[in-house]
Amino acid sequence: MIPHETTDTPNRDVHDQRDGEDLNRVLRELVIPMFYPRDRDGLPRGWIKRMKRTIRTQGWRFNANRMVMDYTLKCYVPAARRNFQRHEP
């Protein structure tokens, strides 16, 4: 997980710089050491274990049902509401 600063900065460049540094640190310290070492079968067992755990615990966030619900509630319903309000007598 990429850590987040609790303080917001109004400067977008500073925010982008911090995000980039956080991403690079996570890649260097977590992802690369887990992804590139392979076992005798040529598989990254540490990475596979982490991905399976992530799918098991977070998979519900990344499925078609959730996506359709998000689009419906965040896009289609508000758009329909605005359209209805515009055409109300």
PDB file of N, CA and C in Angstrom:
ATOM      1  N   MET A   1       0.840  -1.171   0.000  1.00  0.00           N
ATOM      2  CA  MET A   1       0.000   0.000   0.000  1.00  0.00           C
ATOM      3  C   MET A   1       0.890   1.241   0.000  1.00  0.00           C
ATOM      4  N   ILE A   2       0.504   2.216  -0.787  1.00  0.00           N
ATOM      5  CA  ILE A   2       1.263   3.459  -0.852  1.00  0.00           C
ATOM      6  C   ILE A   2       0.810   4.355   0.288  1.00  0.00           C
ATOM      7  N   PRO A   3       1.731   4.770   1.150  1.00  0.00           N
ATOM      8  CA  PRO A   3       1.341   5.640   2.267  1.00  0.00           C
ATOM      9  C   PRO A   3       0.925   7.011   1.775  1.00  0.00           C
ATOM     10  N   HIS A   4       0.024   7.624   2.510  1.00  0.00           N
ATOM     11  CA  HIS A   4      -0.441   8.957   2.158  1.00  0.00           C
ATOM     12  C   HIS A   4      -0.149   9.923   3.298  1.00  0.00           C
ATOM     13  N   GLU A   5       0.261  11.115   2.937  1.00  0.00           N
ATOM     14  CA  GLU A   5       0.401  12.178   3.926  1.00  0.00           C
ATOM     15  C   GLU A   5      -0.997  12.636   4.304  1.00  0.00           C
ATOM     16  N   THR A   6      -1.202  12.943   5.567  1.00  0.00           N
ATOM     17  CA  THR A   6      -2.513  13.399   5.992  1.00  0.00           C
ATOM     18  C   THR A   6      -2.722  14.869   5.699  1.00  0.00           C
ATOM     19  N   THR A   7      -1.643  15.593   5.464  1.00  0.00           N
ATOM     20  CA  THR A   7      -1.792  17.017   5.170  1.00  0.00           C
ATOM     21  C   THR A   7      -1.896  17.197   3.666  1.00  0.00           C
ATOM     22  N   ASP A   8      -2.895  17.944   3.248  1.00  0.00           N
ATOM     23  CA  ASP A   8      -3.056  18.247   1.830  1.00  0.00           C
ATOM     24  C   ASP A   8      -2.214  19.456   1.492  1.00  0.00           C
ATOM     25  N   THR A   9      -1.659  19.425   0.311  1.00  0.00           N
ATOM     26  CA  THR A   9      -0.890  20.580  -0.135  1.00  0.00           C
ATOM     27  C   THR A   9      -1.634  21.229  -1.292  1.00  0.00           C
ATOM     28  N   PRO A  10      -1.741  22.543  -1.282  1.00  0.00           N
ATOM     29  CA  PRO A  10      -2.429  23.208  -2.377  1.00  0.00           C
ATOM     30  C   PRO A  10      -1.595  23.211  -3.662  1.00  0.00           C
ATOM     31  N   ASN A  11      -0.310  22.918  -3.543  1.00  0.00           N
ATOM     32  CA  ASN A  11       0.574  22.939  -4.700  1.00  0.00           C
ATOM     33  C   ASN A  11       0.555  21.572  -5.388  1.00  0.00           C
ATOM     34  N   ARG A  12      -0.036  21.516  -6.565  1.00  0.00           N
ATOM     35  CA  ARG A  12      -0.169  20.257  -7.304  1.00  0.00           C
ATOM     36  C   ARG A  12       1.195  19.647  -7.648  1.00  0.00           C
ATOM     37  N   ASP A  13       2.175  20.491  -7.969  1.00  0.00           N
ATOM     38  CA  ASP A  13       3.506  19.977  -8.303  1.00  0.00           C
ATOM     39  C   ASP A  13       4.146  19.267  -7.114  1.00  0.00           C
ATOM     40  N   VAL A  14       3.986  19.852  -5.929  1.00  0.00           N
ATOM     41  CA  VAL A  14       4.533  19.219  -4.716  1.00  0.00           C
ATOM     42  C   VAL A  14       3.817  17.894  -4.469  1.00  0.00           C
ATOM     43  N   HIS A  15       2.509  17.913  -4.626  1.00  0.00           N
ATOM     44  CA  HIS A  15       1.718  16.692  -4.429  1.00  0.00           C
ATOM     45  C   HIS A  15       2.169  15.605  -5.419  1.00  0.00           C
ATOM     46  N   ASP A  16       2.328  15.973  -6.699  1.00  0.00           N
ATOM     47  CA  ASP A  16       2.774  15.013  -7.710  1.00  0.00           C
ATOM     48  C   ASP A  16       4.173  14.488  -7.392  1.00  0.00           C
ATOM     49  N   GLN A  17       5.045  15.359  -6.929  1.00  0.00           N
ATOM     50  CA  GLN A  17       6.402  14.950  -6.568  1.00  0.00           C
ATOM     51  C   GLN A  17       6.375  13.918  -5.445  1.00  0.00           C
ATOM     52  N   ARG A  18       5.572  14.181  -4.422  1.00  0.00           N
ATOM     53  CA  ARG A  18       5.458  13.241  -3.295  1.00  0.00           C
ATOM     54  C   ARG A  18       4.867  11.912  -3.744  1.00  0.00           C
ATOM     55  N   ASP A  19       3.840  11.967  -4.592  1.00  0.00           N
ATOM     56  CA  ASP A  19       3.254  10.730  -5.110  1.00  0.00           C
ATOM     57  C   ASP A  19       4.282   9.920  -5.879  1.00  0.00           C
ATOM     58  N   GLY A  20       5.072  10.604  -6.707  1.00  0.00           N
ATOM     59  CA  GLY A  20       6.102   9.917  -7.477  1.00  0.00           C
ATOM     60  C   GLY A  20       7.154   9.282  -6.581  1.00  0.00           C
ATOM     61  N   GLU A  21       7.566   9.998  -5.551  1.00  0.00           N
ATOM     62  CA  GLU A  21       8.551   9.452  -4.611  1.00  0.00           C
ATOM     63  C   GLU A  21       7.983   8.247  -3.873  1.00  0.00           C
ATOM     64  N   ASP A  22       6.709   8.337  -3.441  1.00  0.00           N
ATOM     65  CA  ASP A  22       6.069   7.207  -2.758  1.00  0.00           C
ATOM     66  C   ASP A  22       5.986   5.988  -3.668  1.00  0.00           C
ATOM     67  N   LEU A  23       5.580   6.209  -4.918  1.00  0.00           N
ATOM     68  CA  LEU A  23       5.467   5.105  -5.870  1.00  0.00           C
ATOM     69  C   LEU A  23       6.823   4.452  -6.110  1.00  0.00           C
ATOM     70  N   ASN A  24       7.849   5.264  -6.334  1.00  0.00           N
ATOM     71  CA  ASN A  24       9.186   4.707  -6.554  1.00  0.00           C
ATOM     72  C   ASN A  24       9.680   3.920  -5.350  1.00  0.00           C
ATOM     73  N   ARG A  25       9.415   4.421  -4.143  1.00  0.00           N
ATOM     74  CA  ARG A  25       9.842   3.708  -2.940  1.00  0.00           C
ATOM     75  C   ARG A  25       9.131   2.358  -2.826  1.00  0.00           C
ATOM     76  N   VAL A  26       7.832   2.341  -3.085  1.00  0.00           N
ATOM     77  CA  VAL A  26       7.080   1.089  -3.008  1.00  0.00           C
ATOM     78  C   VAL A  26       7.586   0.102  -4.052  1.00  0.00           C
ATOM     79  N   LEU A  27       7.855   0.584  -5.245  1.00  0.00           N
ATOM     80  CA  LEU A  27       8.403  -0.305  -6.278  1.00  0.00           C
ATOM     81  C   LEU A  27       9.746  -0.876  -5.851  1.00  0.00           C
ATOM     82  N   ARG A  28      10.651  -0.008  -5.387  1.00  0.00           N
ATOM     83  CA  ARG A  28      11.994  -0.451  -4.984  1.00  0.00           C
ATOM     84  C   ARG A  28      11.975  -1.393  -3.792  1.00  0.00           C
ATOM     85  N   GLU A  29      11.171  -1.046  -2.781  1.00  0.00           N
ATOM     86  CA  GLU A  29      11.231  -1.774  -1.512  1.00  0.00           C
ATOM     87  C   GLU A  29      10.275  -2.955  -1.413  1.00  0.00           C
ATOM     88  N   LEU A  30       9.171  -2.935  -2.153  1.00  0.00           N
ATOM     89  CA  LEU A  30       8.185  -4.010  -2.019  1.00  0.00           C
ATOM     90  C   LEU A  30       7.985  -4.815  -3.297  1.00  0.00           C
ATOM     91  N   VAL A  31       7.665  -4.143  -4.379  1.00  0.00           N
ATOM     92  CA  VAL A  31       7.266  -4.849  -5.591  1.00  0.00           C
ATOM     93  C   VAL A  31       8.438  -5.579  -6.242  1.00  0.00           C
ATOM     94  N   ILE A  32       9.496  -4.858  -6.561  1.00  0.00           N
ATOM     95  CA  ILE A  32      10.620  -5.469  -7.276  1.00  0.00           C
ATOM     96  C   ILE A  32      11.246  -6.623  -6.487  1.00  0.00           C
ATOM     97  N   PRO A  33      11.507  -6.460  -5.168  1.00  0.00           N
ATOM     98  CA  PRO A  33      12.079  -7.588  -4.434  1.00  0.00           C
ATOM     99  C   PRO A  33      11.167  -8.814  -4.382  1.00  0.00           C
ATOM    100  N   MET A  34       9.868  -8.611  -4.557  1.00  0.00           N
ATOM    101  CA  MET A  34       8.939  -9.737  -4.510  1.00  0.00           C
ATOM    102  C   MET A  34       8.690 -10.322  -5.901  1.00  0.00           C
ATOM    103  N   PHE A  35       8.731  -9.485  -6.924  1.00  0.00           N
ATOM    104  CA  PHE A  35       8.353  -9.917  -8.261  1.00  0.00           C
ATOM    105  C   PHE A  35       9.484 -10.620  -9.019  1.00  0.00           C
ATOM    106  N   TYR A  36      10.701 -10.120  -8.924  1.00  0.00           N
ATOM    107  CA  TYR A  36      11.768 -10.645  -9.765  1.00  0.00           C
ATOM    108  C   TYR A  36      12.446 -11.920  -9.265  1.00  0.00           C
ATOM    109  N   PRO A  37      12.597 -12.154  -7.978  1.00  0.00           N
ATOM    110  CA  PRO A  37      13.184 -13.443  -7.575  1.00  0.00           C
ATOM    111  C   PRO A  37      12.253 -14.600  -7.957  1.00  0.00           C
ATOM    112  N   ARG A  38      12.829 -15.597  -8.637  1.00  0.00           N
ATOM    113  CA  ARG A  38      12.049 -16.741  -9.108  1.00  0.00           C
ATOM    114  C   ARG A  38      12.540 -18.018  -8.444  1.00  0.00           C
ATOM    115  N   ASP A  39      11.611 -18.957  -8.297  1.00  0.00           N
ATOM    116  CA  ASP A  39      12.005 -20.248  -7.742  1.00  0.00           C
ATOM    117  C   ASP A  39      12.527 -21.131  -8.874  1.00  0.00           C
ATOM    118  N   ARG A  40      12.767 -22.384  -8.587  1.00  0.00           N
ATOM    119  CA  ARG A  40      13.358 -23.255  -9.611  1.00  0.00           C
ATOM    120  C   ARG A  40      12.411 -23.503 -10.782  1.00  0.00           C
ATOM    121  N   ASP A  41      11.111 -23.244 -10.572  1.00  0.00           N
ATOM    122  CA  ASP A  41      10.143 -23.363 -11.664  1.00  0.00           C
ATOM    123  C   ASP A  41      10.012 -22.064 -12.455  1.00  0.00           C
ATOM    124  N   GLY A  42      10.770 -21.047 -12.045  1.00  0.00           N
ATOM    125  CA  GLY A  42      10.720 -19.765 -12.741  1.00  0.00           C
ATOM    126  C   GLY A  42       9.556 -18.884 -12.325  1.00  0.00           C
ATOM    127  N   LEU A  43       8.952 -19.187 -11.176  1.00  0.00           N
ATOM    128  CA  LEU A  43       7.789 -18.435 -10.714  1.00  0.00           C
ATOM    129  C   LEU A  43       8.137 -17.520  -9.538  1.00  0.00           C
ATOM    130  N   PRO A  44       7.551 -16.331  -9.511  1.00  0.00           N
ATOM    131  CA  PRO A  44       7.773 -15.417  -8.386  1.00  0.00           C
ATOM    132  C   PRO A  44       6.807 -15.746  -7.245  1.00  0.00           C
ATOM    133  N   ARG A  45       7.141 -16.735  -6.430  1.00  0.00           N
ATOM    134  CA  ARG A  45       6.213 -17.247  -5.409  1.00  0.00           C
ATOM    135  C   ARG A  45       5.749 -16.176  -4.427  1.00  0.00           C
ATOM    136  N   GLY A  46       6.638 -15.282  -4.011  1.00  0.00           N
ATOM    137  CA  GLY A  46       6.242 -14.223  -3.089  1.00  0.00           C
ATOM    138  C   GLY A  46       5.200 -13.313  -3.712  1.00  0.00           C
ATOM    139  N   TRP A  47       5.403 -12.977  -4.979  1.00  0.00           N
ATOM    140  CA  TRP A  47       4.458 -12.112  -5.680  1.00  0.00           C
ATOM    141  C   TRP A  47       3.114 -12.813  -5.869  1.00  0.00           C
ATOM    142  N   ILE A  48       3.155 -14.076  -6.245  1.00  0.00           N
ATOM    143  CA  ILE A  48       1.921 -14.851  -6.438  1.00  0.00           C
ATOM    144  C   ILE A  48       1.138 -14.925  -5.130  1.00  0.00           C
ATOM    145  N   LYS A  49       1.832 -15.184  -4.035  1.00  0.00           N
ATOM    146  CA  LYS A  49       1.166 -15.238  -2.730  1.00  0.00           C
ATOM    147  C   LYS A  49       0.491 -13.905  -2.406  1.00  0.00           C
ATOM    148  N   ARG A  50       1.193 -12.810  -2.652  1.00  0.00           N
ATOM    149  CA  ARG A  50       0.634 -11.488  -2.373  1.00  0.00           C
ATOM    150  C   ARG A  50      -0.576 -11.204  -3.258  1.00  0.00           C
ATOM    151  N   MET A  51      -0.503 -11.534  -4.544  1.00  0.00           N
ATOM    152  CA  MET A  51      -1.618 -11.291  -5.458  1.00  0.00           C
ATOM    153  C   MET A  51      -2.840 -12.126  -5.078  1.00  0.00           C
ATOM    154  N   LYS A  52      -2.626 -13.372  -4.692  1.00  0.00           N
ATOM    155  CA  LYS A  52      -3.755 -14.212  -4.266  1.00  0.00           C
ATOM    156  C   LYS A  52      -4.427 -13.640  -3.032  1.00  0.00           C
ATOM    157  N   ARG A  53      -3.621 -13.173  -2.083  1.00  0.00           N
ATOM    158  CA  ARG A  53      -4.179 -12.566  -0.874  1.00  0.00           C
ATOM    159  C   ARG A  53      -4.948 -11.289  -1.219  1.00  0.00           C
ATOM    160  N   THR A  54      -4.394 -10.494  -2.125  1.00  0.00           N
ATOM    161  CA  THR A  54      -5.056  -9.259  -2.531  1.00  0.00           C
ATOM    162  C   THR A  54      -6.386  -9.545  -3.217  1.00  0.00           C
ATOM    163  N   ILE A  55      -6.408 -10.508  -4.106  1.00  0.00           N
ATOM    164  CA  ILE A  55      -7.654 -10.868  -4.788  1.00  0.00           C
ATOM    165  C   ILE A  55      -8.672 -11.387  -3.783  1.00  0.00           C
ATOM    166  N   ARG A  56      -8.224 -12.197  -2.837  1.00  0.00           N
ATOM    167  CA  ARG A  56      -9.123 -12.757  -1.831  1.00  0.00           C
ATOM    168  C   ARG A  56      -9.718 -11.669  -0.934  1.00  0.00           C
ATOM    169  N   THR A  57      -8.913 -10.681  -0.563  1.00  0.00           N
ATOM    170  CA  THR A  57      -9.387  -9.677   0.391  1.00  0.00           C
ATOM    171  C   THR A  57      -9.936  -8.412  -0.266  1.00  0.00           C
ATOM    172  N   GLN A  58      -9.499  -8.098  -1.482  1.00  0.00           N
ATOM    173  CA  GLN A  58      -9.905  -6.852  -2.136  1.00  0.00           C
ATOM    174  C   GLN A  58     -10.636  -7.052  -3.453  1.00  0.00           C
ATOM    175  N   GLY A  59     -10.811  -8.287  -3.864  1.00  0.00           N
ATOM    176  CA  GLY A  59     -11.413  -8.576  -5.167  1.00  0.00           C
ATOM    177  C   GLY A  59     -12.781  -7.963  -5.359  1.00  0.00           C
ATOM    178  N   TRP A  60     -13.548  -7.870  -4.297  1.00  0.00           N
ATOM    179  CA  TRP A  60     -14.898  -7.301  -4.399  1.00  0.00           C
ATOM    180  C   TRP A  60     -14.872  -5.871  -4.925  1.00  0.00           C
ATOM    181  N   ARG A  61     -13.749  -5.179  -4.745  1.00  0.00           N
ATOM    182  CA  ARG A  61     -13.663  -3.792  -5.219  1.00  0.00           C
ATOM    183  C   ARG A  61     -13.456  -3.712  -6.730  1.00  0.00           C
ATOM    184  N   PHE A  62     -13.046  -4.815  -7.338  1.00  0.00           N
ATOM    185  CA  PHE A  62     -12.660  -4.803  -8.744  1.00  0.00           C
ATOM    186  C   PHE A  62     -13.467  -5.825  -9.538  1.00  0.00           C
ATOM    187  N   ASN A  63     -14.790  -5.686  -9.489  1.00  0.00           N
ATOM    188  CA  ASN A  63     -15.610  -6.597 -10.267  1.00  0.00           C
ATOM    189  C   ASN A  63     -16.665  -5.818 -11.043  1.00  0.00           C
ATOM    190  N   ALA A  64     -17.299  -6.487 -11.982  1.00  0.00           N
ATOM    191  CA  ALA A  64     -18.250  -5.820 -12.871  1.00  0.00           C
ATOM    192  C   ALA A  64     -19.468  -5.314 -12.115  1.00  0.00           C
ATOM    193  N   ASN A  65     -19.949  -6.043 -11.113  1.00  0.00           N
ATOM    194  CA  ASN A  65     -21.120  -5.592 -10.352  1.00  0.00           C
ATOM    195  C   ASN A  65     -20.851  -4.261  -9.673  1.00  0.00           C
ATOM    196  N   ARG A  66     -19.704  -4.132  -9.036  1.00  0.00           N
ATOM    197  CA  ARG A  66     -19.365  -2.881  -8.366  1.00  0.00           C
ATOM    198  C   ARG A  66     -19.211  -1.759  -9.381  1.00  0.00           C
ATOM    199  N   MET A  67     -18.590  -2.070 -10.515  1.00  0.00           N
ATOM    200  CA  MET A  67     -18.393  -1.063 -11.542  1.00  0.00           C
ATOM    201  C   MET A  67     -19.733  -0.559 -12.082  1.00  0.00           C
ATOM    202  N   VAL A  68     -20.658  -1.460 -12.360  1.00  0.00           N
ATOM    203  CA  VAL A  68     -21.976  -1.058 -12.857  1.00  0.00           C
ATOM    204  C   VAL A  68     -22.690  -0.210 -11.811  1.00  0.00           C
ATOM    205  N   MET A  69     -22.610  -0.602 -10.553  1.00  0.00           N
ATOM    206  CA  MET A  69     -23.247   0.171  -9.484  1.00  0.00           C
ATOM    207  C   MET A  69     -22.623   1.567  -9.386  1.00  0.00           C
ATOM    208  N   ASP A  70     -21.300   1.643  -9.477  1.00  0.00           N
ATOM    209  CA  ASP A  70     -20.636   2.951  -9.436  1.00  0.00           C
ATOM    210  C   ASP A  70     -21.095   3.839 -10.582  1.00  0.00           C
ATOM    211  N   TYR A  71     -21.093   3.289 -11.804  1.00  0.00           N
ATOM    212  CA  TYR A  71     -21.534   4.083 -12.951  1.00  0.00           C
ATOM    213  C   TYR A  71     -22.982   4.528 -12.776  1.00  0.00           C
ATOM    214  N   THR A  72     -23.816   3.625 -12.314  1.00  0.00           N
ATOM    215  CA  THR A  72     -25.233   3.955 -12.139  1.00  0.00           C
ATOM    216  C   THR A  72     -25.413   5.083 -11.139  1.00  0.00           C
ATOM    217  N   LEU A  73     -24.809   4.920  -9.957  1.00  0.00           N
ATOM    218  CA  LEU A  73     -25.031   5.891  -8.884  1.00  0.00           C
ATOM    219  C   LEU A  73     -24.267   7.199  -9.081  1.00  0.00           C
ATOM    220  N   LYS A  74     -23.095   7.127  -9.681  1.00  0.00           N
ATOM    221  CA  LYS A  74     -22.255   8.326  -9.793  1.00  0.00           C
ATOM    222  C   LYS A  74     -22.391   9.046 -11.131  1.00  0.00           C
ATOM    223  N   CYS A  75     -22.888   8.370 -12.151  1.00  0.00           N
ATOM    224  CA  CYS A  75     -22.974   9.000 -13.472  1.00  0.00           C
ATOM    225  C   CYS A  75     -24.410   9.053 -14.004  1.00  0.00           C
ATOM    226  N   TYR A  76     -25.012   7.861 -14.179  1.00  0.00           N
ATOM    227  CA  TYR A  76     -26.301   7.807 -14.862  1.00  0.00           C
ATOM    228  C   TYR A  76     -27.424   8.452 -14.055  1.00  0.00           C
ATOM    229  N   VAL A  77     -27.527   8.154 -12.776  1.00  0.00           N
ATOM    230  CA  VAL A  77     -28.592   8.736 -11.959  1.00  0.00           C
ATOM    231  C   VAL A  77     -28.452  10.257 -11.870  1.00  0.00           C
ATOM    232  N   PRO A  78     -27.257  10.785 -11.556  1.00  0.00           N
ATOM    233  CA  PRO A  78     -27.131  12.250 -11.543  1.00  0.00           C
ATOM    234  C   PRO A  78     -27.438  12.887 -12.903  1.00  0.00           C
ATOM    235  N   ALA A  79     -27.022  12.255 -13.994  1.00  0.00           N
ATOM    236  CA  ALA A  79     -27.296  12.809 -15.325  1.00  0.00           C
ATOM    237  C   ALA A  79     -28.791  12.791 -15.609  1.00  0.00           C
ATOM    238  N   ALA A  80     -29.457  11.707 -15.258  1.00  0.00           N
ATOM    239  CA  ALA A  80     -30.906  11.622 -15.464  1.00  0.00           C
ATOM    240  C   ALA A  80     -31.630  12.662 -14.611  1.00  0.00           C
ATOM    241  N   ARG A  81     -31.166  12.834 -13.394  1.00  0.00           N
ATOM    242  CA  ARG A  81     -31.777  13.829 -12.496  1.00  0.00           C
ATOM    243  C   ARG A  81     -31.638  15.240 -13.080  1.00  0.00           C
ATOM    244  N   ARG A  82     -30.436  15.574 -13.569  1.00  0.00           N
ATOM    245  CA  ARG A  82     -30.229  16.899 -14.175  1.00  0.00           C
ATOM    246  C   ARG A  82     -31.108  17.078 -15.409  1.00  0.00           C
ATOM    247  N   ASN A  83     -31.196  16.044 -16.228  1.00  0.00           N
ATOM    248  CA  ASN A  83     -32.016  16.103 -17.429  1.00  0.00           C
ATOM    249  C   ASN A  83     -33.484  16.290 -17.058  1.00  0.00           C
ATOM    250  N   PHE A  84     -33.945  15.565 -16.068  1.00  0.00           N
ATOM    251  CA  PHE A  84     -35.328  15.686 -15.622  1.00  0.00           C
ATOM    252  C   PHE A  84     -35.602  17.088 -15.096  1.00  0.00           C
ATOM    253  N   GLN A  85     -34.679  17.627 -14.317  1.00  0.00           N
ATOM    254  CA  GLN A  85     -34.866  18.973 -13.747  1.00  0.00           C
ATOM    255  C   GLN A  85     -34.896  20.037 -14.829  1.00  0.00           C
ATOM    256  N   ARG A  86     -34.109  19.853 -15.870  1.00  0.00           N
ATOM    257  CA  ARG A  86     -34.089  20.813 -16.975  1.00  0.00           C
ATOM    258  C   ARG A  86     -35.406  20.842 -17.739  1.00  0.00           C
ATOM    259  N   HIS A  87     -36.091  19.698 -17.782  1.00  0.00           N
ATOM    260  CA  HIS A  87     -37.309  19.597 -18.571  1.00  0.00           C
ATOM    261  C   HIS A  87     -38.577  19.643 -17.733  1.00  0.00           C
ATOM    262  N   GLU A  88     -38.432  19.946 -16.464  1.00  0.00           N
ATOM    263  CA  GLU A  88     -39.610  20.096 -15.605  1.00  0.00           C
ATOM    264  C   GLU A  88     -40.352  21.371 -15.971  1.00  0.00           C
ATOM    265  N   PRO A  89     -41.685  21.331 -15.950  1.00  0.00           N
ATOM    266  CA  PRO A  89     -42.435  22.548 -16.263  1.00  0.00           C
ATOM    267  C   PRO A  89     -42.353  23.577 -15.153  1.00  0.00           C
TER     268      PRO A  89
END
